[in-house]
Amino acid sequence: MEDFFMDCLFDTLKMVPFLFVAFLIIELVEHKLSEASKEKLSASGKFGPLLGGILGAFPQCGFSVLATNLYITRIVSLGTLIAVYLSTSDEMIPVLLSNNIPLIDILKIVSLKVVVGIVFGFIIDYILRYRKSPDYQICENDTCDCKESIIKSAIIHTLKTITFIFIFSLIMGLVFVIISKDDMAYFFNQHKILAPMISSLIGIIPNCGASILITQLYVSGVISFGTTMSGLLTGSGVAIVLLFRSNENVKESSFIALLLYLIGVLVGMLINVWGIL
């Protein structure tokens, strides 16, 4: 239990720099930039899905947390957020490396996640290009003195969020301690047709244990590549639960989670049918 607690603490602390940067950007945009500057920043974000898909590929979920906060205040688009979520690697790469998976195979998986993220990110932004975003101010919900110092305010927001993430990670981590790999292997073998749906559902669980479990099942030969991709595409770490916590529009957060899930299922099924890679 001590090791489990320290692992959760270490994983949470790794997100602090990303959260602080995100809140610092939010504070700067909300309180220091003119309306004209905000409009220019928003207009320059048309290539957001490309950048989001690339940054999300780094082996941790810090960028997905950062993107979530930036989306909530509409600094980045929905397409950019989805691109980051789909390309986020979380704990996948360390697990693959520890199992001596060839580097070329790892690059194929990461590249496919990035391509899927970028493609669907641009599609979503194109479809929703005329959608008006609400004027959400993050300081309206948290008690902070934004006008005195944006750095102080960013620190307060970061501490509140990181405390929430740590507590939630402990709870979800215990769930994955109880669920064994053998139990999930038996479940997948009994429901092979529905495997991509099940994998995508496991992947969207906001905890790094999800990506670890799915990757281990793939390495062990229990699930196919397509089923693996279904789970890895939806695995964005704790970003989803942070989205539900901070976003006032619960219906919108539910739509984003459902959209992410359906993309994961669709891509996984297509890979299984076509035998890609």
Protein backbone atom coordinates (compact mmCIF):
# COMPACT_ATOMS: atom_id res chain seq x y z
CA MET A 1 0.00 0.00 0.00
CA GLU A 2 2.90 2.34 0.70
CA ASP A 3 4.30 1.75 -2.80
CA PHE A 4 0.84 2.23 -4.30
CA PHE A 5 0.40 5.52 -2.43
CA MET A 6 3.82 6.80 -3.52
CA ASP A 7 3.16 5.81 -7.15
CA CYS A 8 -0.09 7.80 -7.15
CA LEU A 9 1.64 10.76 -5.51
CA PHE A 10 4.52 10.70 -8.01
CA ASP A 11 2.17 10.40 -11.01
CA THR A 12 0.12 13.32 -9.71
CA LEU A 13 3.12 15.55 -9.05
CA LYS A 14 4.27 15.03 -12.66
CA MET A 15 1.18 16.96 -13.78
CA VAL A 16 1.90 20.04 -11.66
CA PRO A 17 4.04 21.86 -14.29
CA PHE A 18 1.41 21.27 -16.98
CA LEU A 19 -1.42 22.46 -14.76
CA PHE A 20 0.48 25.56 -13.66
CA VAL A 21 1.34 26.50 -17.26
CA ALA A 22 -2.28 25.94 -18.32
CA PHE A 23 -3.68 28.12 -15.54
CA LEU A 24 -1.03 30.77 -16.15
CA ILE A 25 -2.05 30.94 -19.83
CA ILE A 26 -5.71 31.10 -18.84
CA GLU A 27 -5.09 33.91 -16.37
CA LEU A 28 -3.06 35.82 -18.96
CA VAL A 29 -5.77 35.50 -21.61
CA GLU A 30 -8.64 36.33 -19.26
CA HIS A 31 -7.14 39.31 -17.48
CA LYS A 32 -4.24 40.73 -19.48
CA LEU A 33 -5.10 40.46 -23.17
CA SER A 34 -7.38 42.84 -24.98
CA GLU A 35 -10.42 41.56 -26.87
CA ALA A 36 -8.60 42.12 -30.17
CA SER A 37 -5.66 40.01 -28.96
CA LYS A 38 -8.03 37.25 -27.83
CA GLU A 39 -9.66 37.16 -31.26
CA LYS A 40 -6.27 36.88 -32.96
CA LEU A 41 -5.26 34.06 -30.62
CA SER A 42 -8.49 32.21 -31.35
CA ALA A 43 -8.10 32.66 -35.11
CA SER A 44 -4.54 31.31 -35.05
CA GLY A 45 -5.78 28.10 -33.47
CA LYS A 46 -6.99 26.58 -36.76
CA PHE A 47 -3.90 24.37 -36.78
CA GLY A 48 -4.55 23.33 -33.17
CA PRO A 49 -5.41 19.67 -33.97
CA LEU A 50 -2.04 19.24 -35.70
CA LEU A 51 -0.09 20.60 -32.74
CA GLY A 52 -2.35 18.82 -30.24
CA GLY A 53 -1.95 15.46 -31.95
CA ILE A 54 1.84 15.76 -31.88
CA LEU A 55 2.15 17.01 -28.29
CA GLY A 56 -0.26 14.39 -26.99
CA ALA A 57 2.10 11.62 -28.13
CA PHE A 58 4.62 12.37 -25.39
CA PRO A 59 4.58 9.47 -22.87
CA GLN A 60 2.51 11.00 -20.07
CA CYS A 61 -0.94 12.54 -19.65
CA GLY A 62 0.25 16.05 -18.75
CA PHE A 63 -0.64 17.52 -22.14
CA SER A 64 -4.18 16.11 -21.99
CA VAL A 65 -4.65 17.80 -18.61
CA LEU A 66 -3.25 21.05 -20.02
CA ALA A 67 -5.50 20.86 -23.10
CA THR A 68 -8.56 20.22 -20.92
CA ASN A 69 -8.06 23.42 -18.97
CA LEU A 70 -7.40 25.41 -22.13
CA TYR A 71 -10.53 24.01 -23.78
CA ILE A 72 -12.76 24.79 -20.81
CA THR A 73 -11.95 28.48 -21.24
CA ARG A 74 -12.15 28.10 -25.06
CA ILE A 75 -8.53 29.00 -25.67
CA VAL A 76 -8.27 25.86 -27.81
CA SER A 77 -10.95 24.21 -29.96
CA LEU A 78 -12.85 20.98 -29.41
CA GLY A 79 -10.96 19.43 -32.31
CA THR A 80 -7.66 20.26 -30.62
CA LEU A 81 -8.87 18.72 -27.37
CA ILE A 82 -9.98 15.51 -29.10
CA ALA A 83 -6.68 15.34 -31.02
CA VAL A 84 -4.75 15.49 -27.74
CA TYR A 85 -6.99 12.91 -26.07
CA LEU A 86 -6.68 10.43 -28.96
CA SER A 87 -2.90 10.74 -29.26
CA THR A 88 -2.15 10.70 -25.52
CA SER A 89 0.14 7.77 -24.71
CA ASP A 90 -0.14 7.81 -20.92
CA GLU A 91 1.72 4.71 -19.61
CA MET A 92 1.60 2.77 -22.90
CA ILE A 93 5.16 3.46 -24.07
CA PRO A 94 6.92 2.51 -20.79
CA VAL A 95 4.98 -0.79 -20.68
CA LEU A 96 5.87 -1.61 -24.31
CA LEU A 97 9.54 -0.79 -23.70
CA SER A 98 9.65 -2.91 -20.53
CA ASN A 99 8.35 -5.87 -22.56
CA ASN A 100 11.09 -5.47 -25.18
CA ILE A 101 8.68 -4.62 -27.99
CA PRO A 102 10.67 -3.56 -31.10
CA LEU A 103 11.03 0.20 -31.41
CA ILE A 104 9.58 0.17 -34.93
CA ASP A 105 6.37 -1.42 -33.61
CA ILE A 106 6.11 1.18 -30.86
CA LEU A 107 6.56 3.97 -33.40
CA LYS A 108 3.79 2.46 -35.55
CA ILE A 109 1.35 2.51 -32.63
CA VAL A 110 2.28 6.05 -31.57
CA SER A 111 2.16 7.30 -35.17
CA LEU A 112 -1.26 5.74 -35.75
CA LYS A 113 -2.61 7.40 -32.59
CA VAL A 114 -1.21 10.76 -33.72
CA VAL A 115 -2.67 10.43 -37.23
CA VAL A 116 -6.09 9.40 -35.90
CA GLY A 117 -6.03 12.32 -33.45
CA ILE A 118 -5.08 14.89 -36.09
CA VAL A 119 -7.60 13.61 -38.68
CA PHE A 120 -10.56 13.48 -36.32
CA GLY A 121 -9.49 16.79 -34.73
CA PHE A 122 -9.68 18.60 -38.05
CA ILE A 123 -12.95 16.86 -38.96
CA ILE A 124 -14.57 17.93 -35.69
CA ASP A 125 -13.36 21.52 -36.02
CA TYR A 126 -14.64 21.65 -39.60
CA ILE A 127 -18.08 20.34 -38.63
CA LEU A 128 -18.38 22.65 -35.61
CA ARG A 129 -16.70 25.70 -37.17
CA TYR A 130 -19.82 27.85 -36.81
CA ARG A 131 -20.55 26.85 -33.25
CA LYS A 132 -20.47 29.77 -30.80
CA SER A 133 -18.45 29.14 -27.65
CA PRO A 134 -19.69 30.42 -24.27
CA ASP A 135 -17.71 33.10 -22.49
CA TYR A 136 -16.52 31.05 -19.51
CA GLN A 137 -14.31 32.60 -16.84
CA ILE A 138 -12.50 30.06 -14.68
CA CYS A 139 -12.05 32.49 -11.78
CA GLU A 140 -15.81 32.74 -11.31
CA ASN A 141 -15.87 29.27 -9.71
CA ASP A 142 -12.65 29.36 -7.66
CA THR A 143 -11.77 31.73 -4.86
CA CYS A 144 -8.62 33.56 -5.90
CA ASP A 145 -7.30 37.08 -6.21
CA CYS A 146 -6.72 37.23 -9.96
CA LYS A 147 -6.28 40.97 -10.17
CA GLU A 148 -3.51 41.04 -7.57
CA SER A 149 -1.26 38.45 -9.22
CA ILE A 150 -1.90 36.00 -12.04
CA ILE A 151 0.97 33.83 -10.72
CA LYS A 152 -0.62 33.58 -7.28
CA SER A 153 -3.97 32.79 -8.85
CA ALA A 154 -2.44 30.10 -11.09
CA ILE A 155 -0.82 28.50 -8.04
CA ILE A 156 -4.14 28.42 -6.17
CA HIS A 157 -5.96 26.85 -9.14
CA THR A 158 -3.15 24.31 -9.54
CA LEU A 159 -3.17 23.26 -5.88
CA LYS A 160 -6.95 22.79 -5.85
CA THR A 161 -6.92 20.76 -9.04
CA ILE A 162 -3.93 18.60 -8.12
CA THR A 163 -5.53 17.71 -4.78
CA PHE A 164 -8.67 16.56 -6.57
CA ILE A 165 -6.65 14.52 -9.09
CA PHE A 166 -4.60 12.82 -6.36
CA ILE A 167 -7.66 11.73 -4.38
CA PHE A 168 -9.42 10.47 -7.51
CA SER A 169 -6.28 8.63 -8.68
CA LEU A 170 -6.06 6.81 -5.34
CA ILE A 171 -9.66 5.63 -5.63
CA MET A 172 -9.36 4.49 -9.25
CA GLY A 173 -5.95 2.95 -8.62
CA LEU A 174 -7.47 0.68 -5.98
CA VAL A 175 -10.01 -0.51 -8.55
CA PHE A 176 -7.23 -1.62 -10.91
CA VAL A 177 -5.41 -3.32 -8.04
CA ILE A 178 -8.52 -5.43 -7.40
CA ILE A 179 -9.09 -6.24 -11.10
CA SER A 180 -6.44 -8.72 -12.26
CA LYS A 181 -5.11 -9.17 -15.78
CA ASP A 182 -6.30 -12.80 -15.76
CA ASP A 183 -9.86 -11.72 -14.99
CA MET A 184 -9.87 -9.30 -17.91
CA ALA A 185 -8.25 -11.87 -20.23
CA TYR A 186 -11.05 -14.33 -19.47
CA PHE A 187 -13.66 -11.60 -20.03
CA PHE A 188 -12.21 -10.63 -23.41
CA ASN A 189 -12.03 -14.26 -24.55
CA GLN A 190 -15.72 -14.68 -23.73
CA HIS A 191 -16.75 -11.54 -25.65
CA LYS A 192 -14.44 -11.34 -28.69
CA ILE A 193 -17.01 -9.68 -30.97
CA LEU A 194 -17.58 -6.88 -28.47
CA ALA A 195 -13.87 -6.61 -27.62
CA PRO A 196 -13.28 -3.13 -29.17
CA MET A 197 -16.31 -1.73 -27.30
CA ILE A 198 -15.08 -3.20 -24.02
CA SER A 199 -11.50 -2.04 -24.59
CA SER A 200 -12.61 1.48 -25.50
CA LEU A 201 -14.72 1.60 -22.34
CA ILE A 202 -11.79 0.48 -20.18
CA GLY A 203 -9.49 2.99 -21.85
CA ILE A 204 -11.72 5.93 -21.08
CA ILE A 205 -11.56 5.18 -17.33
CA PRO A 206 -9.60 8.18 -15.96
CA ASN A 207 -6.56 6.41 -14.56
CA CYS A 208 -3.18 5.34 -15.96
CA GLY A 209 -4.01 1.79 -14.87
CA ALA A 210 -6.34 1.53 -17.87
CA SER A 211 -3.58 1.98 -20.46
CA ILE A 212 -1.28 -0.32 -18.50
CA LEU A 213 -3.89 -3.09 -18.40
CA ILE A 214 -4.75 -2.82 -22.10
CA THR A 215 -1.09 -2.74 -23.15
CA GLN A 216 -0.29 -5.78 -21.00
CA LEU A 217 -3.18 -7.71 -22.54
CA TYR A 218 -1.89 -6.83 -26.01
CA VAL A 219 1.70 -7.83 -25.20
CA SER A 220 0.41 -11.13 -23.78
CA GLY A 221 -1.47 -11.84 -27.01
CA VAL A 222 -4.90 -11.78 -25.34
CA ILE A 223 -6.41 -9.02 -27.50
CA SER A 224 -5.91 -8.03 -31.13
CA PHE A 225 -4.17 -4.91 -32.37
CA GLY A 226 -7.48 -3.27 -33.29
CA THR A 227 -8.94 -3.97 -29.86
CA THR A 228 -5.77 -2.59 -28.29
CA MET A 229 -6.04 0.61 -30.31
CA SER A 230 -9.67 1.05 -29.22
CA GLY A 231 -8.55 1.23 -25.61
CA LEU A 232 -5.36 3.22 -26.17
CA LEU A 233 -7.14 5.87 -28.25
CA THR A 234 -9.62 6.64 -25.47
CA GLY A 235 -7.00 6.58 -22.73
CA SER A 236 -6.35 10.21 -21.82
CA GLY A 237 -5.41 9.69 -18.18
CA VAL A 238 -7.30 11.77 -15.64
CA ALA A 239 -8.17 14.45 -18.19
CA ILE A 240 -11.77 13.27 -18.63
CA VAL A 241 -12.63 13.49 -14.94
CA LEU A 242 -10.99 16.92 -14.82
CA LEU A 243 -13.21 17.95 -17.73
CA PHE A 244 -16.35 16.91 -15.84
CA ARG A 245 -15.13 18.62 -12.67
CA SER A 246 -14.27 21.99 -14.23
CA ASN A 247 -16.69 22.31 -17.12
CA GLU A 248 -20.05 23.80 -16.11
CA ASN A 249 -21.83 22.15 -19.05
CA VAL A 250 -22.26 18.49 -18.02
CA LYS A 251 -24.03 17.65 -21.28
CA GLU A 252 -21.10 18.95 -23.27
CA SER A 253 -18.61 16.94 -21.21
CA SER A 254 -20.77 13.84 -21.67
CA PHE A 255 -20.86 14.47 -25.43
CA ILE A 256 -17.06 14.75 -25.56
CA ALA A 257 -16.62 11.51 -23.60
CA LEU A 258 -19.12 9.72 -25.86
CA LEU A 259 -17.45 11.11 -28.98
CA LEU A 260 -14.06 9.90 -27.77
CA TYR A 261 -15.49 6.46 -26.99
CA LEU A 262 -17.17 6.09 -30.39
CA ILE A 263 -14.01 7.11 -32.26
CA GLY A 264 -12.04 4.51 -30.32
CA VAL A 265 -14.59 1.78 -31.10
CA LEU A 266 -14.84 2.75 -34.78
CA VAL A 267 -11.09 2.81 -35.41
CA GLY A 268 -10.53 -0.44 -33.51
CA MET A 269 -13.24 -2.25 -35.45
CA LEU A 270 -11.91 -0.98 -38.79
CA ILE A 271 -8.42 -2.19 -37.92
CA ASN A 272 -9.74 -5.63 -36.92
CA VAL A 273 -11.77 -5.93 -40.13
CA TRP A 274 -9.04 -4.72 -42.49
CA GLY A 275 -6.16 -6.32 -40.61
CA ILE A 276 -4.15 -3.10 -40.52
CA LEU A 277 -0.59 -3.54 -39.21
